[in-house]
Protein backbone atom coordinates (compact mmCIF):
# COMPACT_ATOMS: atom_id res chain seq x y z
CA UNK A 1 20.42 -9.12 6.75
CA UNK A 2 17.37 -10.52 4.99
CA UNK A 3 17.22 -9.81 1.30
CA UNK A 4 14.35 -10.22 -1.13
CA UNK A 5 15.14 -9.87 -4.80
CA UNK A 6 12.45 -9.54 -7.45
CA UNK A 7 12.84 -10.13 -11.14
CA UNK A 8 10.75 -10.60 -14.25
CA UNK A 9 9.34 -7.14 -14.77
CA UNK A 10 9.39 -5.35 -18.07
CA UNK A 11 7.36 -3.80 -20.85
CA UNK A 12 4.44 -5.77 -22.20
CA UNK A 13 1.50 -5.01 -24.48
CA UNK A 14 -2.07 -5.04 -23.16
CA UNK A 15 -3.33 -8.61 -23.04
CA UNK A 16 0.16 -9.98 -22.61
CA UNK A 17 1.70 -11.95 -19.77
CA UNK A 18 4.62 -11.70 -17.38
CA UNK A 19 5.90 -13.86 -14.57
CA UNK A 20 7.53 -12.22 -11.57
CA UNK A 21 9.78 -14.09 -9.20
CA UNK A 22 11.13 -13.33 -5.74
CA UNK A 23 13.78 -15.10 -3.69
CA UNK A 24 14.44 -14.51 -0.01
CA UNK A 25 17.87 -15.07 1.49
CA UNK A 26 19.84 -14.32 4.62
CA UNK A 27 19.39 -15.24 8.26
CA UNK A 28 17.28 -14.31 11.24
CA UNK A 29 13.89 -14.98 9.72
CA UNK A 30 11.40 -17.79 9.51
CA UNK A 31 9.35 -18.93 6.59
CA UNK A 32 6.08 -17.05 6.67
CA UNK A 33 3.38 -15.59 4.49
CA UNK A 34 4.72 -14.03 1.33
CA UNK A 35 3.03 -11.69 -1.05
CA UNK A 36 3.12 -9.22 -3.86
CA UNK A 37 2.21 -5.56 -3.58
CA UNK A 38 2.33 -2.80 -6.15
CA UNK A 39 2.61 0.95 -6.26
CA UNK A 40 1.67 3.09 -9.22
CA UNK A 41 2.96 6.66 -9.60
CA UNK A 42 1.13 8.98 -7.22
CA UNK A 43 -0.69 6.10 -5.56
CA UNK A 44 -0.30 4.22 -2.29
CA UNK A 45 1.08 0.72 -2.21
CA UNK A 46 -1.67 -1.87 -2.51
CA UNK A 47 -2.02 -5.58 -2.06
CA UNK A 48 -1.91 -7.76 -5.16
CA UNK A 49 -1.80 -11.28 -3.74
CA UNK A 50 -0.58 -13.24 -0.73
CA UNK A 51 0.15 -16.88 -0.05
CA UNK A 52 0.59 -18.64 3.30
CA UNK A 53 2.94 -21.48 4.16
CA UNK A 54 -0.05 -23.77 3.83
CA UNK A 55 -0.79 -22.57 0.33
CA UNK A 56 -3.84 -20.44 1.05
CA UNK A 57 -4.07 -17.49 -1.33
CA UNK A 58 -5.70 -14.10 -1.32
CA UNK A 59 -6.09 -11.77 -4.29
CA UNK A 60 -7.09 -8.20 -4.84
CA UNK A 61 -10.38 -7.93 -6.69
CA UNK A 62 -8.67 -6.08 -9.52
CA UNK A 63 -6.41 -9.03 -10.36
CA UNK A 64 -8.54 -12.04 -9.40
CA UNK A 65 -8.88 -14.44 -12.29
CA UNK A 66 -5.91 -12.95 -14.12
CA UNK A 67 -2.99 -13.34 -11.68
CA UNK A 68 -1.78 -16.45 -9.88
CA UNK A 69 0.56 -16.48 -6.90
CA UNK A 70 2.58 -19.57 -6.05
CA UNK A 71 5.55 -20.68 -3.96
CA UNK A 72 8.63 -22.58 -4.99
CA UNK A 73 9.65 -25.92 -3.55
CA UNK A 74 12.10 -24.26 -1.17
CA UNK A 75 9.35 -22.06 0.32
CA UNK A 76 11.65 -19.05 0.21
CA UNK A 77 10.58 -18.17 -3.29
CA UNK A 78 7.34 -16.79 -4.60
CA UNK A 79 6.03 -16.21 -8.09
CA UNK A 80 3.33 -14.10 -9.66
CA UNK A 81 1.98 -15.19 -13.01
CA UNK A 82 0.24 -12.22 -14.61
CA UNK A 83 -2.04 -12.81 -17.57
CA UNK A 84 -4.37 -10.55 -19.54
CA UNK A 85 -2.40 -7.52 -18.42
CA UNK A 86 -4.05 -4.12 -18.55
CA UNK A 87 -2.53 -0.62 -18.61
CA UNK A 88 -3.84 -0.10 -15.08
CA UNK A 89 -1.55 -2.91 -13.92
CA UNK A 90 1.42 -0.64 -14.58
CA UNK A 91 3.31 -0.22 -11.31
CA UNK A 92 6.38 -1.16 -9.36
CA UNK A 93 5.76 -4.61 -7.92
CA UNK A 94 7.24 -5.45 -4.53
CA UNK A 95 7.78 -8.81 -2.90
CA UNK A 96 7.04 -9.10 0.83
CA UNK A 97 7.88 -11.63 3.52
CA UNK A 98 6.01 -11.61 6.81
CA UNK A 99 3.16 -9.29 5.93
CA UNK A 100 3.09 -5.51 5.58
CA UNK A 101 2.27 -4.88 9.27
CA UNK A 102 4.86 -7.10 10.92
CA UNK A 103 7.26 -4.26 11.70
CA UNK A 104 10.80 -5.52 12.10
CA UNK A 105 9.69 -8.94 10.89
CA UNK A 106 8.40 -7.57 7.61
CA UNK A 107 10.80 -7.57 4.69
CA UNK A 108 10.52 -5.99 1.28
CA UNK A 109 12.30 -6.36 -2.00
CA UNK A 110 13.57 -3.47 -4.07
CA UNK A 111 10.75 -3.71 -6.56
CA UNK A 112 10.50 -4.52 -10.24
CA UNK A 113 8.84 -2.29 -12.82
CA UNK A 114 5.91 -3.61 -14.83
CA UNK A 115 4.73 -1.42 -17.69
CA UNK A 116 1.71 -2.36 -19.77
CA UNK A 117 1.49 -0.20 -22.87
CA UNK A 118 1.03 -0.33 -26.61
């Protein structure tokens, strides 16, 4: 069983910062693209950022310039540094391994809540 565990969410004021982390563990998977996705209440899950094994990154327009995705030295960890947070960033943030369309080879964490509010 492959497990992805996110942490670092919480309540933050507008303009504040948070750093999310995700660690993958288990067996039966290979190191692959990892990413962060988010889902706000009543909305569909959307891409936030992805990073390949080679370090190439991709960001949603809404977060570009404010968020930074990175990988740990072990390559089974991924981080999301979130700066200049806005209320519209409020969502459950999910870590993904393998990409959202990889079927059985796509793995998701349980999610961590990020709330941006005064």
